[in-house]
Amino acid sequence: MIIVHHLNNSRSQRILWLLEELGLPYEIKRYQRDPKTMLAPAELRAVHPLGKSPVITDGELTLAESGAIIEYLADRYAAGTLIPAHGTPQRLRCNYWLHYAEGSAMPPLLLKLVFNRVEHAPAPFFVKPVARGIARKVLRNFVDPQLKLHLDYLEGELGDSEWFGGDAFSVADIQLSFPLEAFATRDGLDAGYPQLSAFLQRMHARPAYQRALQRGGEYRLG
């Protein structure tokens, strides 16, 4: 039995979605973030030394990292339906998105979250103006331009296809769901990104996505 070590409001939600798309039986072991630090509880370190989510166990295997988990599950259980065959150009494109989502798209989103918190965090009156000034400068001069760069790139990639992997829905779309939902929540998707907005609507309308939400529980990216 596959066990998903599921942290609330985290990347592990897309693992539940993939399992629902595959129609596989699985169990959920739930963990809650610390409400003050928003960090995962120490109990997750008993599963994986980094104490982060997602992590799955499948028999004797324990596996972390979203891209690795998604590729493993798709290769083992998807029977060629959600991931292209090895050695094909389609597989190369799919692998690119599996790595891009975490390696390129997520860092500026994490910086946005961190510097927004710095800007609004409680601080002594003589420190607060300096901290806010630094945070705003970093956001304005680096983080926000990087977010726009990635959004423009992703919007352009959907110009010729409804899905990132090509003509058919694939694990590439599942992997990109988290950064795109985070983009929409933290930075907004205005009228300049109609392709991305339509992608999110298609994604949210999938029955498997809805089932994953029901099983995973409340899901908010603040």
Protein backbone atom coordinates (compact mmCIF):
# COMPACT_ATOMS: atom_id res chain seq x y z
CA MET A 1 0.00 0.00 0.00
CA ILE A 2 1.28 3.45 -0.90
CA ILE A 3 1.38 5.84 2.05
CA VAL A 4 1.53 9.59 1.44
CA HIS A 5 3.03 11.57 4.29
CA HIS A 6 0.86 14.61 3.73
CA LEU A 7 1.60 18.06 5.12
CA ASN A 8 -1.26 20.53 5.01
CA ASN A 9 -1.02 23.29 2.37
CA SER A 10 1.99 21.75 0.69
CA ARG A 11 3.37 20.19 -2.45
CA SER A 12 2.11 16.80 -1.29
CA GLN A 13 -1.37 17.77 -2.53
CA ARG A 14 -0.27 17.13 -6.12
CA ILE A 15 0.88 13.61 -5.15
CA LEU A 16 -2.64 12.89 -3.96
CA TRP A 17 -3.91 14.26 -7.27
CA LEU A 18 -1.63 11.96 -9.27
CA LEU A 19 -2.72 8.94 -7.25
CA GLU A 20 -6.35 9.83 -7.91
CA GLU A 21 -5.63 10.17 -11.64
CA LEU A 22 -4.01 6.73 -11.56
CA GLY A 23 -6.87 5.22 -9.57
CA LEU A 24 -4.46 3.67 -7.08
CA PRO A 25 -5.35 2.79 -3.49
CA TYR A 26 -3.35 4.79 -0.94
CA GLU A 27 -3.35 5.90 2.64
CA ILE A 28 -2.71 9.37 4.00
CA LYS A 29 -0.68 10.07 7.12
CA ARG A 30 -1.36 13.68 8.05
CA TYR A 31 0.96 16.28 9.52
CA GLN A 32 0.15 19.87 10.47
CA ARG A 33 2.40 22.89 10.14
CA ASP A 34 3.35 24.88 13.20
CA PRO A 35 0.89 27.80 13.11
CA LYS A 36 3.61 30.32 14.02
CA THR A 37 6.61 29.15 12.01
CA MET A 38 4.63 27.34 9.27
CA LEU A 39 7.29 24.62 9.40
CA ALA A 40 6.60 20.90 9.30
CA PRO A 41 6.51 19.02 12.61
CA ALA A 42 9.52 17.09 13.85
CA GLU A 43 7.63 13.80 13.37
CA LEU A 44 8.31 14.00 9.64
CA ARG A 45 12.03 13.53 10.34
CA ALA A 46 11.23 10.02 11.47
CA VAL A 47 10.13 9.35 7.89
CA HIS A 48 12.83 11.33 6.07
CA PRO A 49 15.85 13.14 7.59
CA LEU A 50 14.90 16.52 6.05
CA GLY A 51 11.48 16.42 7.66
CA LYS A 52 9.72 17.80 4.62
CA SER A 53 6.75 16.82 2.50
CA PRO A 54 5.93 15.15 0.20
CA VAL A 55 7.30 11.78 1.14
CA ILE A 56 5.81 8.46 0.14
CA THR A 57 6.43 4.92 1.24
CA ASP A 58 5.67 2.10 -1.17
CA GLY A 59 6.56 -1.21 0.39
CA GLU A 60 10.21 -0.98 1.44
CA LEU A 61 10.78 2.20 -0.57
CA THR A 62 10.79 5.65 1.00
CA LEU A 63 10.99 8.47 -1.52
CA ALA A 64 11.03 12.25 -1.20
CA GLU A 65 11.01 15.17 -3.67
CA SER A 66 7.92 15.85 -5.78
CA GLY A 67 9.55 15.31 -9.17
CA ALA A 68 11.15 12.02 -8.16
CA ILE A 69 7.90 10.77 -6.59
CA ILE A 70 5.82 11.73 -9.62
CA GLU A 71 8.25 10.13 -12.06
CA TYR A 72 8.44 6.95 -9.98
CA LEU A 73 4.67 6.58 -9.63
CA ALA A 74 4.02 7.35 -13.30
CA ASP A 75 6.71 4.97 -14.56
CA ARG A 76 5.59 2.16 -12.30
CA TYR A 77 1.80 2.52 -12.41
CA ALA A 78 0.70 4.78 -15.28
CA ALA A 79 1.29 2.23 -18.07
CA GLY A 80 2.24 4.97 -20.52
CA THR A 81 -0.91 7.01 -20.01
CA LEU A 82 0.42 10.00 -18.06
CA ILE A 83 4.13 9.97 -18.87
CA PRO A 84 5.82 9.45 -22.28
CA ALA A 85 8.12 6.53 -22.96
CA HIS A 86 11.80 6.80 -22.11
CA GLY A 87 14.04 7.94 -24.94
CA THR A 88 11.39 9.98 -26.76
CA PRO A 89 11.37 13.77 -27.32
CA GLN A 90 8.08 13.90 -25.44
CA ARG A 91 9.72 12.30 -22.39
CA LEU A 92 12.56 14.81 -22.52
CA ARG A 93 10.03 17.65 -22.55
CA CYS A 94 8.10 16.10 -19.67
CA ASN A 95 11.30 15.65 -17.63
CA TYR A 96 12.19 19.28 -18.29
CA TRP A 97 8.96 20.47 -16.67
CA LEU A 98 9.38 18.08 -13.74
CA HIS A 99 12.70 19.78 -12.96
CA TYR A 100 11.71 23.31 -13.97
CA ALA A 101 8.79 23.48 -11.54
CA GLU A 102 11.01 23.12 -8.47
CA GLY A 103 14.37 24.26 -9.81
CA SER A 104 13.31 27.48 -11.57
CA ALA A 105 9.69 28.41 -10.81
CA MET A 106 9.63 27.89 -7.04
CA PRO A 107 12.70 29.92 -5.89
CA PRO A 108 11.27 33.37 -6.74
CA LEU A 109 7.95 32.35 -5.20
CA LEU A 110 9.71 31.39 -1.97
CA LEU A 111 11.61 34.68 -2.01
CA LYS A 112 8.32 36.52 -2.47
CA LEU A 113 6.89 34.75 0.57
CA VAL A 114 9.97 35.40 2.71
CA PHE A 115 10.36 39.10 1.88
CA ASN A 116 6.64 39.75 2.23
CA ARG A 117 6.91 38.37 5.74
CA VAL A 118 10.00 40.47 6.45
CA GLU A 119 8.16 43.56 5.27
CA HIS A 120 5.18 42.96 7.55
CA ALA A 121 6.81 41.20 10.50
CA PRO A 122 6.72 42.81 13.96
CA ALA A 123 9.99 44.56 14.81
CA PRO A 124 11.32 47.32 17.09
CA PHE A 125 10.36 50.77 15.81
CA PHE A 126 13.96 51.67 14.98
CA VAL A 127 14.47 48.48 12.94
CA LYS A 128 11.15 48.26 11.12
CA PRO A 129 11.76 51.06 8.55
CA VAL A 130 15.11 49.56 7.59
CA ALA A 131 13.71 46.02 7.26
CA ARG A 132 10.74 47.22 5.25
CA GLY A 133 12.94 49.28 2.99
CA ILE A 134 15.26 46.36 2.25
CA ALA A 135 12.35 43.98 1.67
CA ARG A 136 10.58 46.36 -0.70
CA LYS A 137 13.76 47.02 -2.65
CA VAL A 138 14.50 43.31 -3.09
CA LEU A 139 10.90 42.64 -4.14
CA ARG A 140 10.78 45.54 -6.58
CA ASN A 141 14.22 45.12 -8.15
CA PHE A 142 14.63 41.35 -8.20
CA VAL A 143 11.77 39.13 -7.05
CA ASP A 144 8.86 40.73 -8.91
CA PRO A 145 10.78 40.98 -12.23
CA GLN A 146 11.72 37.31 -11.88
CA LEU A 147 8.10 36.34 -11.26
CA LYS A 148 7.02 38.24 -14.37
CA LEU A 149 9.77 36.59 -16.41
CA HIS A 150 8.52 33.13 -15.46
CA LEU A 151 4.85 33.97 -15.91
CA ASP A 152 5.52 35.36 -19.39
CA TYR A 153 7.51 32.25 -20.26
CA LEU A 154 4.82 29.86 -19.02
CA GLU A 155 2.08 31.82 -20.77
CA GLY A 156 3.97 31.54 -24.04
CA GLU A 157 4.50 27.80 -23.63
CA LEU A 158 0.73 27.28 -23.61
CA GLY A 159 0.22 29.20 -26.84
CA ASP A 160 0.11 26.10 -29.03
CA SER A 161 -1.28 23.49 -26.63
CA GLU A 162 -3.70 23.17 -23.73
CA TRP A 163 -1.16 21.20 -21.69
CA PHE A 164 2.51 21.69 -20.90
CA GLY A 165 3.58 18.24 -22.05
CA GLY A 166 1.87 18.58 -25.44
CA ASP A 167 -1.57 17.67 -26.70
CA ALA A 168 -2.45 15.38 -23.78
CA PHE A 169 -2.66 15.92 -20.02
CA SER A 170 0.41 14.48 -18.29
CA VAL A 171 2.42 14.50 -15.08
CA ALA A 172 4.07 17.71 -16.32
CA ASP A 173 0.80 19.50 -15.65
CA ILE A 174 0.47 17.96 -12.20
CA GLN A 175 4.01 19.02 -11.30
CA LEU A 176 3.45 22.59 -12.48
CA SER A 177 0.16 22.90 -10.61
CA PHE A 178 1.73 23.95 -7.31
CA PRO A 179 3.88 26.85 -8.57
CA LEU A 180 1.05 28.09 -10.77
CA GLU A 181 -1.44 28.03 -7.90
CA ALA A 182 1.16 29.82 -5.78
CA PHE A 183 1.67 32.40 -8.55
CA ALA A 184 -2.08 32.98 -8.70
CA THR A 185 -2.39 33.30 -4.92
CA ARG A 186 0.68 35.41 -4.14
CA ASP A 187 1.06 37.53 -7.25
CA GLY A 188 -2.21 37.19 -9.15
CA LEU A 189 -2.94 36.22 -12.73
CA ASP A 190 -4.42 39.24 -14.48
CA ALA A 191 -5.89 39.55 -17.95
CA GLY A 192 -2.38 39.43 -19.39
CA TYR A 193 -2.22 35.68 -18.71
CA PRO A 194 -5.32 34.16 -20.31
CA GLN A 195 -3.62 30.86 -21.17
CA LEU A 196 -2.47 30.27 -17.60
CA SER A 197 -5.85 31.24 -16.20
CA ALA A 198 -7.56 28.79 -18.55
CA PHE A 199 -5.04 26.10 -17.60
CA LEU A 200 -5.85 26.50 -13.93
CA GLN A 201 -9.56 26.26 -14.69
CA ARG A 202 -9.04 23.03 -16.66
CA MET A 203 -6.88 21.66 -13.87
CA HIS A 204 -9.37 22.47 -11.10
CA ALA A 205 -12.23 20.95 -13.12
CA ARG A 206 -10.65 17.51 -13.32
CA PRO A 207 -12.57 14.98 -11.19
CA ALA A 208 -9.34 13.50 -9.84
CA TYR A 209 -8.20 16.94 -8.67
CA GLN A 210 -11.49 17.39 -6.83
CA ARG A 211 -11.23 13.95 -5.23
CA ALA A 212 -7.69 14.75 -4.06
CA LEU A 213 -8.94 17.94 -2.42
CA GLN A 214 -11.64 16.01 -0.60
CA ARG A 215 -9.16 13.47 0.70
CA GLY A 216 -6.35 15.89 1.43
CA GLY A 217 -8.41 18.44 3.28
CA GLU A 218 -8.17 22.21 3.39
CA TYR A 219 -5.70 23.58 0.87
CA ARG A 220 -4.68 27.23 1.00
CA LEU A 221 -1.53 28.88 -0.29
CA GLY A 222 -1.16 32.14 1.59
